[in-house]
Amino acid sequence: MARQYFTHKGVLFPCLDYSPEALSYVENEFQVQDDDVFNVTYPKSGTNWMLEILSLIRCDGDPDWVCSVLNWERAPWVDNQTGLKAALKYSPPRLICSHLPVQLFPKSLQHSKAKIIYTLRCPKDVLVSLYHFSKPLHLFKDPGSLDSFFEDFLRGNVPYGSWFDHVTGWMGLKGNENFFPITYEELQQDPLGSVRRICHFLGKELSEEQVAAVVENASFQSMKGNKMSNFSQVEEKYMDHEKGELLRKGNTWYE
């Protein structure tokens, strides 16, 4: 089933560890809690970087948690079957990741005070990063040539569907008090200011030293050297580590 897709409500998903039944459960039955924090992105838009930042904010900049617990255990992916099971067992307050488009997100969010942090990134950079990451990741089909992948990307013929639809859908929540949009580029250009803004949104007060510790411990070099965060511990059935890695270049993060 590796590298095969199915369509759920017009959106492509990997067959490996995903199912229409689990996605329907997430949309219609998963109960969002008021103290949940969701890290939401389109794939390759800074998901794991934001996860690292949120993990460190939770621990006041102390890196012990991020250096001792795998990132997908700190914040399970509610989209797939393994992550959904973990999220359902997670003691609150929960930190949860998702790539789901807004129309497939848990409906219970509408009646919740849960917070959504939505990171978006320039689609050209998303395209390049997704192209390279599709090669080692068994969840995704081999991307073929960059030209053919570019056409698939423009048509939304990739997992999680169209970047344009995803961003348009989620940005429709802009202005809601529990929705915080931020760009990948903002995180790059002003990491200290970005972390302060995220803390304010979460209602978390950190000192300037703690904010600086968050930025330092979520840096490219820190994450690349942290086996809990760099995907080096992903099982072989999900990723061919000889074909690529999560963190490729320090100058442009996930490029």
C-alpha atoms as a PDB file:
ATOM      1  CA  MET A   1       0.000   0.000   0.000  1.00  0.00           C
ATOM      2  CA  ALA A   2       3.024   2.281   0.230  1.00  0.00           C
ATOM      3  CA  ARG A   3       3.094   5.127  -2.291  1.00  0.00           C
ATOM      4  CA  GLN A   4      -0.578   4.700  -3.189  1.00  0.00           C
ATOM      5  CA  TYR A   5      -3.371   7.222  -2.658  1.00  0.00           C
ATOM      6  CA  PHE A   6      -7.116   7.232  -2.105  1.00  0.00           C
ATOM      7  CA  THR A   7      -9.548  10.115  -2.514  1.00  0.00           C
ATOM      8  CA  HIS A   8     -11.649  11.310   0.409  1.00  0.00           C
ATOM      9  CA  LYS A   9     -14.180  14.051  -0.315  1.00  0.00           C
ATOM     10  CA  GLY A  10     -12.147  15.194  -3.312  1.00  0.00           C
ATOM     11  CA  VAL A  11      -8.782  15.275  -1.510  1.00  0.00           C
ATOM     12  CA  LEU A  12      -5.921  12.804  -1.987  1.00  0.00           C
ATOM     13  CA  PHE A  13      -4.478  10.961   1.016  1.00  0.00           C
ATOM     14  CA  PRO A  14      -1.791   8.281   1.356  1.00  0.00           C
ATOM     15  CA  CYS A  15      -3.009   4.714   1.800  1.00  0.00           C
ATOM     16  CA  LEU A  16      -0.241   3.953   4.301  1.00  0.00           C
ATOM     17  CA  ASP A  17      -1.668   4.580   7.815  1.00  0.00           C
ATOM     18  CA  TYR A  18      -4.614   6.640   6.525  1.00  0.00           C
ATOM     19  CA  SER A  19      -8.205   5.554   5.932  1.00  0.00           C
ATOM     20  CA  PRO A  20     -11.550   7.115   4.959  1.00  0.00           C
ATOM     21  CA  GLU A  21     -13.018   5.770   8.203  1.00  0.00           C
ATOM     22  CA  ALA A  22     -10.418   7.492  10.376  1.00  0.00           C
ATOM     23  CA  LEU A  23     -10.763  10.757   8.465  1.00  0.00           C
ATOM     24  CA  SER A  24     -14.556  10.635   8.841  1.00  0.00           C
ATOM     25  CA  TYR A  25     -14.170   9.963  12.562  1.00  0.00           C
ATOM     26  CA  VAL A  26     -11.852  12.961  12.940  1.00  0.00           C
ATOM     27  CA  GLU A  27     -14.271  15.234  11.112  1.00  0.00           C
ATOM     28  CA  ASN A  28     -17.484  14.108  12.756  1.00  0.00           C
ATOM     29  CA  GLU A  29     -16.700  12.491  16.100  1.00  0.00           C
ATOM     30  CA  PHE A  30     -13.335  13.735  17.380  1.00  0.00           C
ATOM     31  CA  GLN A  31     -13.978  15.986  20.376  1.00  0.00           C
ATOM     32  CA  VAL A  32     -11.849  19.114  20.435  1.00  0.00           C
ATOM     33  CA  GLN A  33     -11.084  20.295  23.966  1.00  0.00           C
ATOM     34  CA  ASP A  34     -10.937  23.931  25.048  1.00  0.00           C
ATOM     35  CA  ASP A  35      -7.274  23.708  26.046  1.00  0.00           C
ATOM     36  CA  ASP A  36      -6.128  21.998  22.834  1.00  0.00           C
ATOM     37  CA  VAL A  37      -3.486  23.740  20.721  1.00  0.00           C
ATOM     38  CA  PHE A  38      -3.437  22.729  17.052  1.00  0.00           C
ATOM     39  CA  ASN A  39      -0.383  23.178  14.840  1.00  0.00           C
ATOM     40  CA  VAL A  40      -1.910  23.312  11.355  1.00  0.00           C
ATOM     41  CA  THR A  41      -0.114  23.662   8.023  1.00  0.00           C
ATOM     42  CA  TYR A  42      -0.140  22.583   4.435  1.00  0.00           C
ATOM     43  CA  PRO A  43       2.687  19.988   4.044  1.00  0.00           C
ATOM     44  CA  LYS A  44       6.225  21.382   4.023  1.00  0.00           C
ATOM     45  CA  SER A  45       5.273  24.789   5.350  1.00  0.00           C
ATOM     46  CA  GLY A  46       7.255  24.717   8.578  1.00  0.00           C
ATOM     47  CA  THR A  47       5.196  22.189  10.523  1.00  0.00           C
ATOM     48  CA  ASN A  48       8.022  20.618  12.494  1.00  0.00           C
ATOM     49  CA  TRP A  49       9.697  23.955  13.110  1.00  0.00           C
ATOM     50  CA  MET A  50       6.482  25.309  14.620  1.00  0.00           C
ATOM     51  CA  LEU A  51       6.047  22.096  16.583  1.00  0.00           C
ATOM     52  CA  GLU A  52       9.508  22.580  18.062  1.00  0.00           C
ATOM     53  CA  ILE A  53       8.711  26.194  18.939  1.00  0.00           C
ATOM     54  CA  LEU A  54       5.401  25.245  20.593  1.00  0.00           C
ATOM     55  CA  SER A  55       7.049  22.396  22.501  1.00  0.00           C
ATOM     56  CA  LEU A  56       9.720  24.737  23.814  1.00  0.00           C
ATOM     57  CA  ILE A  57       7.230  27.470  24.713  1.00  0.00           C
ATOM     58  CA  ARG A  58       5.331  24.898  26.755  1.00  0.00           C
ATOM     59  CA  CYS A  59       8.565  24.146  28.655  1.00  0.00           C
ATOM     60  CA  ASP A  60       9.676  27.791  29.092  1.00  0.00           C
ATOM     61  CA  GLY A  61      12.544  27.299  26.631  1.00  0.00           C
ATOM     62  CA  ASP A  62      13.956  24.254  28.453  1.00  0.00           C
ATOM     63  CA  PRO A  63      15.051  21.715  25.782  1.00  0.00           C
ATOM     64  CA  ASP A  64      14.724  18.595  27.960  1.00  0.00           C
ATOM     65  CA  TRP A  65      11.312  17.603  26.543  1.00  0.00           C
ATOM     66  CA  VAL A  66      12.257  18.141  22.903  1.00  0.00           C
ATOM     67  CA  CYS A  67      15.491  16.183  23.420  1.00  0.00           C
ATOM     68  CA  SER A  68      13.842  13.224  25.139  1.00  0.00           C
ATOM     69  CA  VAL A  69      10.458  12.710  23.442  1.00  0.00           C
ATOM     70  CA  LEU A  70       9.858  12.160  19.726  1.00  0.00           C
ATOM     71  CA  ASN A  71       8.132  15.093  18.085  1.00  0.00           C
ATOM     72  CA  TRP A  72       5.184  13.031  16.828  1.00  0.00           C
ATOM     73  CA  GLU A  73       4.633  11.826  20.395  1.00  0.00           C
ATOM     74  CA  ARG A  74       4.764  15.381  21.744  1.00  0.00           C
ATOM     75  CA  ALA A  75       2.158  16.385  19.154  1.00  0.00           C
ATOM     76  CA  PRO A  76       0.457  13.460  17.404  1.00  0.00           C
ATOM     77  CA  TRP A  77      -0.871  13.797  13.862  1.00  0.00           C
ATOM     78  CA  VAL A  78      -4.620  13.477  14.185  1.00  0.00           C
ATOM     79  CA  ASP A  79      -4.906  12.935  10.409  1.00  0.00           C
ATOM     80  CA  ASN A  80      -3.614   9.343  10.378  1.00  0.00           C
ATOM     81  CA  GLN A  81      -4.677   6.255  12.274  1.00  0.00           C
ATOM     82  CA  THR A  82      -1.590   6.012  14.496  1.00  0.00           C
ATOM     83  CA  GLY A  83      -1.689   9.695  15.432  1.00  0.00           C
ATOM     84  CA  LEU A  84      -5.436   9.633  16.041  1.00  0.00           C
ATOM     85  CA  LYS A  85      -5.062   6.796  18.550  1.00  0.00           C
ATOM     86  CA  ALA A  86      -2.299   8.737  20.316  1.00  0.00           C
ATOM     87  CA  ALA A  87      -4.352  11.950  20.380  1.00  0.00           C
ATOM     88  CA  LEU A  88      -7.304  10.158  21.940  1.00  0.00           C
ATOM     89  CA  LYS A  89      -5.048   8.911  24.770  1.00  0.00           C
ATOM     90  CA  TYR A  90      -3.246  12.247  25.226  1.00  0.00           C
ATOM     91  CA  SER A  91      -3.693  13.796  28.667  1.00  0.00           C
ATOM     92  CA  PRO A  92      -4.665  17.476  28.411  1.00  0.00           C
ATOM     93  CA  PRO A  93      -3.543  20.018  27.567  1.00  0.00           C
ATOM     94  CA  ARG A  94      -2.988  18.478  24.145  1.00  0.00           C
ATOM     95  CA  LEU A  95      -0.639  19.688  21.429  1.00  0.00           C
ATOM     96  CA  ILE A  96      -1.821  18.245  18.100  1.00  0.00           C
ATOM     97  CA  CYS A  97      -0.578  18.532  14.510  1.00  0.00           C
ATOM     98  CA  SER A  98      -2.636  18.424  11.323  1.00  0.00           C
ATOM     99  CA  HIS A  99      -2.393  19.063   7.589  1.00  0.00           C
ATOM    100  CA  LEU A 100      -6.147  18.699   7.101  1.00  0.00           C
ATOM    101  CA  PRO A 101      -7.970  21.280   4.995  1.00  0.00           C
ATOM    102  CA  VAL A 102     -10.477  23.252   7.023  1.00  0.00           C
ATOM    103  CA  GLN A 103     -13.517  21.441   5.601  1.00  0.00           C
ATOM    104  CA  LEU A 104     -12.225  18.085   6.915  1.00  0.00           C
ATOM    105  CA  PHE A 105     -11.168  19.370  10.334  1.00  0.00           C
ATOM    106  CA  PRO A 106     -13.134  18.279  13.430  1.00  0.00           C
ATOM    107  CA  LYS A 107     -16.518  19.963  13.413  1.00  0.00           C
ATOM    108  CA  SER A 108     -16.378  20.209  17.204  1.00  0.00           C
ATOM    109  CA  LEU A 109     -13.823  23.021  16.786  1.00  0.00           C
ATOM    110  CA  GLN A 110     -16.738  25.354  16.077  1.00  0.00           C
ATOM    111  CA  HIS A 111     -17.947  25.098  19.686  1.00  0.00           C
ATOM    112  CA  SER A 112     -14.524  25.111  21.310  1.00  0.00           C
ATOM    113  CA  LYS A 113     -12.021  27.629  22.642  1.00  0.00           C
ATOM    114  CA  ALA A 114      -9.136  25.523  21.279  1.00  0.00           C
ATOM    115  CA  LYS A 115      -6.371  27.512  19.624  1.00  0.00           C
ATOM    116  CA  ILE A 116      -5.240  27.087  16.015  1.00  0.00           C
ATOM    117  CA  ILE A 117      -1.802  28.212  14.879  1.00  0.00           C
ATOM    118  CA  TYR A 118      -1.699  28.188  11.087  1.00  0.00           C
ATOM    119  CA  THR A 119       1.687  28.520   9.383  1.00  0.00           C
ATOM    120  CA  LEU A 120       1.741  29.283   5.679  1.00  0.00           C
ATOM    121  CA  ARG A 121       4.659  29.479   3.284  1.00  0.00           C
ATOM    122  CA  CYS A 122       5.435  30.731  -0.218  1.00  0.00           C
ATOM    123  CA  PRO A 123       4.012  28.079  -2.578  1.00  0.00           C
ATOM    124  CA  LYS A 124       7.161  28.005  -4.720  1.00  0.00           C
ATOM    125  CA  ASP A 125       9.202  26.977  -1.693  1.00  0.00           C
ATOM    126  CA  VAL A 126       6.531  24.498  -0.610  1.00  0.00           C
ATOM    127  CA  LEU A 127       6.646  22.935  -4.082  1.00  0.00           C
ATOM    128  CA  VAL A 128      10.428  22.452  -4.043  1.00  0.00           C
ATOM    129  CA  SER A 129      10.498  21.150  -0.479  1.00  0.00           C
ATOM    130  CA  LEU A 130       7.584  18.772  -1.067  1.00  0.00           C
ATOM    131  CA  TYR A 131       9.190  17.507  -4.264  1.00  0.00           C
ATOM    132  CA  HIS A 132      12.406  16.546  -2.478  1.00  0.00           C
ATOM    133  CA  PHE A 133      10.647  15.102   0.586  1.00  0.00           C
ATOM    134  CA  SER A 134       8.387  12.935  -1.584  1.00  0.00           C
ATOM    135  CA  LYS A 135      11.420  10.912  -2.666  1.00  0.00           C
ATOM    136  CA  PRO A 136      12.330   9.314   0.697  1.00  0.00           C
ATOM    137  CA  LEU A 137       8.850   9.368   2.253  1.00  0.00           C
ATOM    138  CA  HIS A 138       6.945   6.165   1.514  1.00  0.00           C
ATOM    139  CA  LEU A 139       3.636   7.889   2.221  1.00  0.00           C
ATOM    140  CA  PHE A 140       3.965   9.785  -1.059  1.00  0.00           C
ATOM    141  CA  LYS A 141       4.334   8.546  -4.614  1.00  0.00           C
ATOM    142  CA  ASP A 142       7.651   9.083  -6.341  1.00  0.00           C
ATOM    143  CA  PRO A 143       7.323  12.645  -7.662  1.00  0.00           C
ATOM    144  CA  GLY A 144       8.949  11.946 -11.033  1.00  0.00           C
ATOM    145  CA  SER A 145      10.386  14.983 -12.766  1.00  0.00           C
ATOM    146  CA  LEU A 146      10.077  18.431 -11.204  1.00  0.00           C
ATOM    147  CA  ASP A 147       8.083  19.584 -14.254  1.00  0.00           C
ATOM    148  CA  SER A 148       5.485  16.827 -13.887  1.00  0.00           C
ATOM    149  CA  PHE A 149       5.297  17.344 -10.130  1.00  0.00           C
ATOM    150  CA  PHE A 150       4.791  21.065 -10.722  1.00  0.00           C
ATOM    151  CA  GLU A 151       1.732  20.252 -12.853  1.00  0.00           C
ATOM    152  CA  ASP A 152       0.364  17.902 -10.181  1.00  0.00           C
ATOM    153  CA  PHE A 153       0.924  20.560  -7.526  1.00  0.00           C
ATOM    154  CA  LEU A 154      -0.921  23.220  -9.510  1.00  0.00           C
ATOM    155  CA  ARG A 155      -3.875  20.864 -10.054  1.00  0.00           C
ATOM    156  CA  GLY A 156      -3.947  19.854  -6.396  1.00  0.00           C
ATOM    157  CA  ASN A 157      -3.174  16.289  -7.452  1.00  0.00           C
ATOM    158  CA  VAL A 158      -0.967  15.737  -4.385  1.00  0.00           C
ATOM    159  CA  PRO A 159      -1.694  14.565  -0.815  1.00  0.00           C
ATOM    160  CA  TYR A 160      -3.878  17.018   1.108  1.00  0.00           C
ATOM    161  CA  GLY A 161      -5.009  18.629  -2.117  1.00  0.00           C
ATOM    162  CA  SER A 162      -4.491  22.123  -3.463  1.00  0.00           C
ATOM    163  CA  TRP A 163      -2.192  24.531  -1.606  1.00  0.00           C
ATOM    164  CA  PHE A 164      -4.395  27.374  -2.838  1.00  0.00           C
ATOM    165  CA  ASP A 165      -7.602  25.794  -1.517  1.00  0.00           C
ATOM    166  CA  HIS A 166      -5.952  24.867   1.783  1.00  0.00           C
ATOM    167  CA  VAL A 167      -4.689  28.392   2.451  1.00  0.00           C
ATOM    168  CA  THR A 168      -7.905  30.057   1.272  1.00  0.00           C
ATOM    169  CA  GLY A 169      -9.991  27.782   3.460  1.00  0.00           C
ATOM    170  CA  TRP A 170      -8.021  28.254   6.650  1.00  0.00           C
ATOM    171  CA  MET A 171      -7.460  31.974   6.147  1.00  0.00           C
ATOM    172  CA  GLY A 172     -11.221  32.326   6.115  1.00  0.00           C
ATOM    173  CA  LEU A 173     -10.897  32.062   9.909  1.00  0.00           C
ATOM    174  CA  LYS A 174      -8.619  35.109  10.070  1.00  0.00           C
ATOM    175  CA  GLY A 175      -9.961  37.498  12.684  1.00  0.00           C
ATOM    176  CA  ASN A 176     -11.296  34.757  14.958  1.00  0.00           C
ATOM    177  CA  GLU A 177      -9.803  35.169  18.414  1.00  0.00           C
ATOM    178  CA  ASN A 178      -8.663  31.534  18.585  1.00  0.00           C
ATOM    179  CA  PHE A 179      -6.963  31.556  15.153  1.00  0.00           C
ATOM    180  CA  PHE A 180      -3.380  32.752  14.746  1.00  0.00           C
ATOM    181  CA  PRO A 181      -1.889  32.871  11.225  1.00  0.00           C
ATOM    182  CA  ILE A 182       1.833  33.351  10.740  1.00  0.00           C
ATOM    183  CA  THR A 183       4.114  32.951   7.736  1.00  0.00           C
ATOM    184  CA  TYR A 184       7.235  30.845   7.477  1.00  0.00           C
ATOM    185  CA  GLU A 185       9.000  33.946   6.239  1.00  0.00           C
ATOM    186  CA  GLU A 186       8.045  35.897   9.386  1.00  0.00           C
ATOM    187  CA  LEU A 187       9.555  33.133  11.489  1.00  0.00           C
ATOM    188  CA  GLN A 188      12.774  33.397   9.494  1.00  0.00           C
ATOM    189  CA  GLN A 189      13.025  37.176   9.461  1.00  0.00           C
ATOM    190  CA  ASP A 190      12.004  37.884  13.056  1.00  0.00           C
ATOM    191  CA  PRO A 191      12.185  34.719  15.169  1.00  0.00           C
ATOM    192  CA  LEU A 192      12.244  36.535  18.516  1.00  0.00           C
ATOM    193  CA  GLY A 193       9.284  38.746  17.647  1.00  0.00           C
ATOM    194  CA  SER A 194       7.402  35.770  16.204  1.00  0.00           C
ATOM    195  CA  VAL A 195       7.873  33.727  19.370  1.00  0.00           C
ATOM    196  CA  ARG A 196       6.700  36.661  21.493  1.00  0.00           C
ATOM    197  CA  ARG A 197       3.547  36.958  19.372  1.00  0.00           C
ATOM    198  CA  ILE A 198       2.871  33.228  19.627  1.00  0.00           C
ATOM    199  CA  CYS A 199       3.318  33.389  23.406  1.00  0.00           C
ATOM    200  CA  HIS A 200       0.871  36.275  23.605  1.00  0.00           C
ATOM    201  CA  PHE A 201      -1.685  34.314  21.576  1.00  0.00           C
ATOM    202  CA  LEU A 202      -1.268  31.288  23.845  1.00  0.00           C
ATOM    203  CA  GLY A 203      -1.487  33.398  26.996  1.00  0.00           C
ATOM    204  CA  LYS A 204       1.985  32.252  27.970  1.00  0.00           C
ATOM    205  CA  GLU A 205       4.353  34.719  29.627  1.00  0.00           C
ATOM    206  CA  LEU A 206       8.063  34.110  29.030  1.00  0.00           C
ATOM    207  CA  SER A 207      11.029  36.248  29.985  1.00  0.00           C
ATOM    208  CA  GLU A 208      13.333  37.598  27.288  1.00  0.00           C
ATOM    209  CA  GLU A 209      15.867  34.936  28.256  1.00  0.00           C
ATOM    210  CA  GLN A 210      13.258  32.198  27.861  1.00  0.00           C
ATOM    211  CA  VAL A 211      12.136  33.555  24.491  1.00  0.00           C
ATOM    212  CA  ALA A 212      15.768  33.559  23.349  1.00  0.00           C
ATOM    213  CA  ALA A 213      16.110  29.964  24.578  1.00  0.00           C
ATOM    214  CA  VAL A 214      13.074  28.939  22.512  1.00  0.00           C
ATOM    215  CA  VAL A 215      14.590  30.493  19.383  1.00  0.00           C
ATOM    216  CA  GLU A 216      18.005  28.953  19.999  1.00  0.00           C
ATOM    217  CA  ASN A 217      16.707  25.464  20.742  1.00  0.00           C
ATOM    218  CA  ALA A 218      14.368  25.564  17.723  1.00  0.00           C
ATOM    219  CA  SER A 219      17.162  26.630  15.375  1.00  0.00           C
ATOM    220  CA  PHE A 220      18.026  24.602  12.307  1.00  0.00           C
ATOM    221  CA  GLN A 221      21.265  23.317  13.805  1.00  0.00           C
ATOM    222  CA  SER A 222      19.603  22.363  17.093  1.00  0.00           C
ATOM    223  CA  MET A 223      16.826  20.454  15.339  1.00  0.00           C
ATOM    224  CA  LYS A 224      19.167  18.819  12.834  1.00  0.00           C
ATOM    225  CA  GLY A 225      21.286  17.448  15.686  1.00  0.00           C
ATOM    226  CA  ASN A 226      18.288  16.317  17.761  1.00  0.00           C
ATOM    227  CA  LYS A 227      17.253  12.757  16.894  1.00  0.00           C
ATOM    228  CA  MET A 228      13.891  13.403  18.569  1.00  0.00           C
ATOM    229  CA  SER A 229      13.138  16.131  16.014  1.00  0.00           C
ATOM    230  CA  ASN A 230      15.017  15.352  12.786  1.00  0.00           C
ATOM    231  CA  PHE A 231      12.959  12.312  11.642  1.00  0.00           C
ATOM    232  CA  SER A 232      16.014  10.035  11.894  1.00  0.00           C
ATOM    233  CA  GLN A 233      13.903   7.743  14.101  1.00  0.00           C
ATOM    234  CA  VAL A 234      11.076   7.336  11.580  1.00  0.00           C
ATOM    235  CA  GLU A 235      10.546   3.644  10.813  1.00  0.00           C
ATOM    236  CA  GLU A 236      11.841   2.304   7.511  1.00  0.00           C
ATOM    237  CA  LYS A 237       8.320   1.397   6.402  1.00  0.00           C
ATOM    238  CA  TYR A 238       7.548   5.109   6.346  1.00  0.00           C
ATOM    239  CA  MET A 239      10.822   6.600   5.121  1.00  0.00           C
ATOM    240  CA  ASP A 240      13.918   5.574   3.175  1.00  0.00           C
ATOM    241  CA  HIS A 241      16.639   7.420   5.056  1.00  0.00           C
ATOM    242  CA  GLU A 242      19.184   6.776   2.297  1.00  0.00           C
ATOM    243  CA  LYS A 243      17.127   8.847  -0.155  1.00  0.00           C
ATOM    244  CA  GLY A 244      16.764  12.003   1.894  1.00  0.00           C
ATOM    245  CA  GLU A 245      16.168  13.700   5.218  1.00  0.00           C
ATOM    246  CA  LEU A 246      13.778  16.172   6.772  1.00  0.00           C
ATOM    247  CA  LEU A 247      16.304  18.962   7.282  1.00  0.00           C
ATOM    248  CA  ARG A 248      18.315  19.398   4.103  1.00  0.00           C
ATOM    249  CA  LYS A 249      19.765  22.934   4.097  1.00  0.00           C
ATOM    250  CA  GLY A 250      20.378  25.311   6.969  1.00  0.00           C
ATOM    251  CA  ASN A 251      20.058  28.471   4.915  1.00  0.00           C
ATOM    252  CA  THR A 252      16.470  27.936   3.836  1.00  0.00           C
ATOM    253  CA  TRP A 253      15.269  25.424   6.408  1.00  0.00           C
ATOM    254  CA  TYR A 254      13.278  22.672   4.755  1.00  0.00           C
ATOM    255  CA  GLU A 255      14.420  23.428   1.211  1.00  0.00           C
END
